[in-house]
Amino acid sequence: MTKNWLITGASSGFGRALTEASLAAGDTVVAAMRRPERLDDLVAQYPD
C-alpha cells in the first residue's frame, strides 16, 4: 500500500531525508520548498 506525503522544507535537513526515504519506499510525495532546484537530482531519479 503506497502512502501520499505532503512534505514542507523538503530541500534540506529532515524534510530532505523524509522525502528521499518516502520516494525510496515507493510512496507519492508532494514536496514544498523555497529552492526547487535543490531537488533536481530526485526529480531525475524519480520522474513519476
PDB file of N, CA and C in Angstrom:
ATOM      1  N   MET A   1       0.840  -1.169   0.000  1.00  0.00           N
ATOM      2  CA  MET A   1       0.000   0.000   0.000  1.00  0.00           C
ATOM      3  C   MET A   1       0.893   1.244   0.000  1.00  0.00           C
ATOM      4  N   THR A   2       0.741   2.085  -0.992  1.00  0.00           N
ATOM      5  CA  THR A   2       1.535   3.304  -1.051  1.00  0.00           C
ATOM      6  C   THR A   2       0.865   4.414  -0.248  1.00  0.00           C
ATOM      7  N   LYS A   3       1.695   5.303   0.229  1.00  0.00           N
ATOM      8  CA  LYS A   3       1.203   6.437   1.010  1.00  0.00           C
ATOM      9  C   LYS A   3       1.428   7.719   0.220  1.00  0.00           C
ATOM     10  N   ASN A   4       0.661   8.731   0.527  1.00  0.00           N
ATOM     11  CA  ASN A   4       0.817  10.049  -0.055  1.00  0.00           C
ATOM     12  C   ASN A   4       1.341  10.989   1.015  1.00  0.00           C
ATOM     13  N   TRP A   5       2.390  11.740   0.678  1.00  0.00           N
ATOM     14  CA  TRP A   5       3.041  12.641   1.624  1.00  0.00           C
ATOM     15  C   TRP A   5       3.007  14.067   1.100  1.00  0.00           C
ATOM     16  N   LEU A   6       2.788  15.011   1.992  1.00  0.00           N
ATOM     17  CA  LEU A   6       2.995  16.441   1.728  1.00  0.00           C
ATOM     18  C   LEU A   6       4.098  16.859   2.679  1.00  0.00           C
ATOM     19  N   ILE A   7       5.265  17.183   2.124  1.00  0.00           N
ATOM     20  CA  ILE A   7       6.432  17.488   2.947  1.00  0.00           C
ATOM     21  C   ILE A   7       6.853  18.925   2.676  1.00  0.00           C
ATOM     22  N   THR A   8       6.891  19.736   3.717  1.00  0.00           N
ATOM     23  CA  THR A   8       7.376  21.106   3.586  1.00  0.00           C
ATOM     24  C   THR A   8       8.837  21.152   4.024  1.00  0.00           C
ATOM     25  N   GLY A   9       9.582  22.084   3.482  1.00  0.00           N
ATOM     26  CA  GLY A   9      11.006  22.159   3.797  1.00  0.00           C
ATOM     27  C   GLY A   9      11.777  20.983   3.242  1.00  0.00           C
ATOM     28  N   ALA A  10      11.387  20.525   2.061  1.00  0.00           N
ATOM     29  CA  ALA A  10      11.934  19.294   1.500  1.00  0.00           C
ATOM     30  C   ALA A  10      13.314  19.437   0.864  1.00  0.00           C
ATOM     31  N   SER A  11      13.845  20.641   0.802  1.00  0.00           N
ATOM     32  CA  SER A  11      15.126  20.811   0.112  1.00  0.00           C
ATOM     33  C   SER A  11      16.339  20.548   1.000  1.00  0.00           C
ATOM     34  N   SER A  12      16.159  20.459   2.321  1.00  0.00           N
ATOM     35  CA  SER A  12      17.311  20.212   3.193  1.00  0.00           C
ATOM     36  C   SER A  12      16.870  19.608   4.520  1.00  0.00           C
ATOM     37  N   GLY A  13      17.858  19.109   5.251  1.00  0.00           N
ATOM     38  CA  GLY A  13      17.624  18.609   6.599  1.00  0.00           C
ATOM     39  C   GLY A  13      16.653  17.438   6.680  1.00  0.00           C
ATOM     40  N   PHE A  14      15.836  17.463   7.733  1.00  0.00           N
ATOM     41  CA  PHE A  14      14.881  16.378   7.978  1.00  0.00           C
ATOM     42  C   PHE A  14      13.874  16.245   6.833  1.00  0.00           C
ATOM     43  N   GLY A  15      13.435  17.363   6.270  1.00  0.00           N
ATOM     44  CA  GLY A  15      12.490  17.310   5.149  1.00  0.00           C
ATOM     45  C   GLY A  15      13.071  16.598   3.951  1.00  0.00           C
ATOM     46  N   ARG A  16      14.334  16.854   3.661  1.00  0.00           N
ATOM     47  CA  ARG A  16      15.017  16.185   2.549  1.00  0.00           C
ATOM     48  C   ARG A  16      15.135  14.691   2.826  1.00  0.00           C
ATOM     49  N   ALA A  17      15.535  14.337   4.040  1.00  0.00           N
ATOM     50  CA  ALA A  17      15.684  12.929   4.399  1.00  0.00           C
ATOM     51  C   ALA A  17      14.352  12.190   4.314  1.00  0.00           C
ATOM     52  N   LEU A  18      13.296  12.816   4.788  1.00  0.00           N
ATOM     53  CA  LEU A  18      11.976  12.201   4.725  1.00  0.00           C
ATOM     54  C   LEU A  18      11.512  12.051   3.274  1.00  0.00           C
ATOM     55  N   THR A  19      11.795  13.044   2.456  1.00  0.00           N
ATOM     56  CA  THR A  19      11.455  12.980   1.031  1.00  0.00           C
ATOM     57  C   THR A  19      12.169  11.820   0.357  1.00  0.00           C
ATOM     58  N   GLU A  20      13.471  11.695   0.587  1.00  0.00           N
ATOM     59  CA  GLU A  20      14.247  10.602  -0.007  1.00  0.00           C
ATOM     60  C   GLU A  20      13.736   9.236   0.451  1.00  0.00           C
ATOM     61  N   ALA A  21      13.479   9.099   1.730  1.00  0.00           N
ATOM     62  CA  ALA A  21      13.011   7.812   2.267  1.00  0.00           C
ATOM     63  C   ALA A  21      11.631   7.443   1.729  1.00  0.00           C
ATOM     64  N   SER A  22      10.761   8.423   1.620  1.00  0.00           N
ATOM     65  CA  SER A  22       9.409   8.168   1.115  1.00  0.00           C
ATOM     66  C   SER A  22       9.435   7.748  -0.344  1.00  0.00           C
ATOM     67  N   LEU A  23      10.244   8.434  -1.144  1.00  0.00           N
ATOM     68  CA  LEU A  23      10.358   8.070  -2.554  1.00  0.00           C
ATOM     69  C   LEU A  23      10.972   6.687  -2.715  1.00  0.00           C
ATOM     70  N   ALA A  24      11.989   6.387  -1.922  1.00  0.00           N
ATOM     71  CA  ALA A  24      12.633   5.077  -1.988  1.00  0.00           C
ATOM     72  C   ALA A  24      11.662   3.955  -1.621  1.00  0.00           C
ATOM     73  N   ALA A  25      10.698   4.264  -0.764  1.00  0.00           N
ATOM     74  CA  ALA A  25       9.696   3.267  -0.354  1.00  0.00           C
ATOM     75  C   ALA A  25       8.587   3.114  -1.399  1.00  0.00           C
ATOM     76  N   GLY A  26       8.625   3.949  -2.451  1.00  0.00           N
ATOM     77  CA  GLY A  26       7.605   3.851  -3.491  1.00  0.00           C
ATOM     78  C   GLY A  26       6.378   4.700  -3.222  1.00  0.00           C
ATOM     79  N   ASP A  27       6.448   5.574  -2.240  1.00  0.00           N
ATOM     80  CA  ASP A  27       5.317   6.435  -1.911  1.00  0.00           C
ATOM     81  C   ASP A  27       5.274   7.649  -2.840  1.00  0.00           C
ATOM     82  N   THR A  28       4.135   8.333  -2.847  1.00  0.00           N
ATOM     83  CA  THR A  28       3.965   9.555  -3.617  1.00  0.00           C
ATOM     84  C   THR A  28       4.262  10.743  -2.725  1.00  0.00           C
ATOM     85  N   VAL A  29       5.066  11.692  -3.237  1.00  0.00           N
ATOM     86  CA  VAL A  29       5.477  12.841  -2.438  1.00  0.00           C
ATOM     87  C   VAL A  29       5.136  14.131  -3.166  1.00  0.00           C
ATOM     88  N   VAL A  30       4.494  15.037  -2.459  1.00  0.00           N
ATOM     89  CA  VAL A  30       4.339  16.420  -2.901  1.00  0.00           C
ATOM     90  C   VAL A  30       5.253  17.213  -1.989  1.00  0.00           C
ATOM     91  N   ALA A  31       6.313  17.786  -2.571  1.00  0.00           N
ATOM     92  CA  ALA A  31       7.340  18.461  -1.783  1.00  0.00           C
ATOM     93  C   ALA A  31       7.253  19.975  -1.982  1.00  0.00           C
ATOM     94  N   ALA A  32       7.285  20.702  -0.876  1.00  0.00           N
ATOM     95  CA  ALA A  32       7.258  22.165  -0.922  1.00  0.00           C
ATOM     96  C   ALA A  32       8.577  22.703  -0.389  1.00  0.00           C
ATOM     97  N   MET A  33       9.112  23.713  -1.089  1.00  0.00           N
ATOM     98  CA  MET A  33      10.375  24.310  -0.671  1.00  0.00           C
ATOM     99  C   MET A  33      10.567  25.657  -1.331  1.00  0.00           C
ATOM    100  N   ARG A  34      11.504  26.424  -0.845  1.00  0.00           N
ATOM    101  CA  ARG A  34      11.798  27.737  -1.418  1.00  0.00           C
ATOM    102  C   ARG A  34      12.691  27.640  -2.645  1.00  0.00           C
ATOM    103  N   ARG A  35      13.551  26.645  -2.693  1.00  0.00           N
ATOM    104  CA  ARG A  35      14.512  26.490  -3.793  1.00  0.00           C
ATOM    105  C   ARG A  35      14.287  25.143  -4.490  1.00  0.00           C
ATOM    106  N   PRO A  36      13.344  25.077  -5.407  1.00  0.00           N
ATOM    107  CA  PRO A  36      13.013  23.796  -6.037  1.00  0.00           C
ATOM    108  C   PRO A  36      14.165  23.154  -6.807  1.00  0.00           C
ATOM    109  N   GLU A  37      15.134  23.944  -7.257  1.00  0.00           N
ATOM    110  CA  GLU A  37      16.260  23.376  -7.998  1.00  0.00           C
ATOM    111  C   GLU A  37      17.104  22.442  -7.128  1.00  0.00           C
ATOM    112  N   ARG A  38      16.963  22.524  -5.823  1.00  0.00           N
ATOM    113  CA  ARG A  38      17.726  21.655  -4.926  1.00  0.00           C
ATOM    114  C   ARG A  38      17.225  20.209  -4.958  1.00  0.00           C
ATOM    115  N   LEU A  39      16.087  19.976  -5.585  1.00  0.00           N
ATOM    116  CA  LEU A  39      15.564  18.611  -5.717  1.00  0.00           C
ATOM    117  C   LEU A  39      15.685  18.072  -7.135  1.00  0.00           C
ATOM    118  N   ASP A  40      16.453  18.746  -7.981  1.00  0.00           N
ATOM    119  CA  ASP A  40      16.600  18.293  -9.365  1.00  0.00           C
ATOM    120  C   ASP A  40      17.120  16.856  -9.453  1.00  0.00           C
ATOM    121  N   ASP A  41      18.017  16.489  -8.541  1.00  0.00           N
ATOM    122  CA  ASP A  41      18.545  15.119  -8.562  1.00  0.00           C
ATOM    123  C   ASP A  41      17.458  14.090  -8.255  1.00  0.00           C
ATOM    124  N   LEU A  42      16.556  14.394  -7.326  1.00  0.00           N
ATOM    125  CA  LEU A  42      15.472  13.462  -7.015  1.00  0.00           C
ATOM    126  C   LEU A  42      14.427  13.422  -8.123  1.00  0.00           C
ATOM    127  N   VAL A  43      14.190  14.539  -8.761  1.00  0.00           N
ATOM    128  CA  VAL A  43      13.250  14.570  -9.886  1.00  0.00           C
ATOM    129  C   VAL A  43      13.776  13.696 -11.015  1.00  0.00           C
ATOM    130  N   ALA A  44      15.079  13.751 -11.266  1.00  0.00           N
ATOM    131  CA  ALA A  44      15.682  12.919 -12.301  1.00  0.00           C
ATOM    132  C   ALA A  44      15.635  11.432 -11.924  1.00  0.00           C
ATOM    133  N   GLN A  45      15.831  11.145 -10.641  1.00  0.00           N
ATOM    134  CA  GLN A  45      15.850   9.755 -10.179  1.00  0.00           C
ATOM    135  C   GLN A  45      14.446   9.158 -10.100  1.00  0.00           C
ATOM    136  N   TYR A  46      13.444   9.967  -9.751  1.00  0.00           N
ATOM    137  CA  TYR A  46      12.051   9.524  -9.611  1.00  0.00           C
ATOM    138  C   TYR A  46      11.155  10.407 -10.486  1.00  0.00           C
ATOM    139  N   PRO A  47      11.196  10.232 -11.799  1.00  0.00           N
ATOM    140  CA  PRO A  47      10.464  11.151 -12.696  1.00  0.00           C
ATOM    141  C   PRO A  47       8.934  11.101 -12.570  1.00  0.00           C
ATOM    142  N   ASP A  48       8.388  10.036 -12.050  1.00  0.00           N
ATOM    143  CA  ASP A  48       6.934   9.951 -11.934  1.00  0.00           C
ATOM    144  C   ASP A  48       6.461  10.758 -10.767  1.00  0.00           C
TER     145      ASP A  48
END
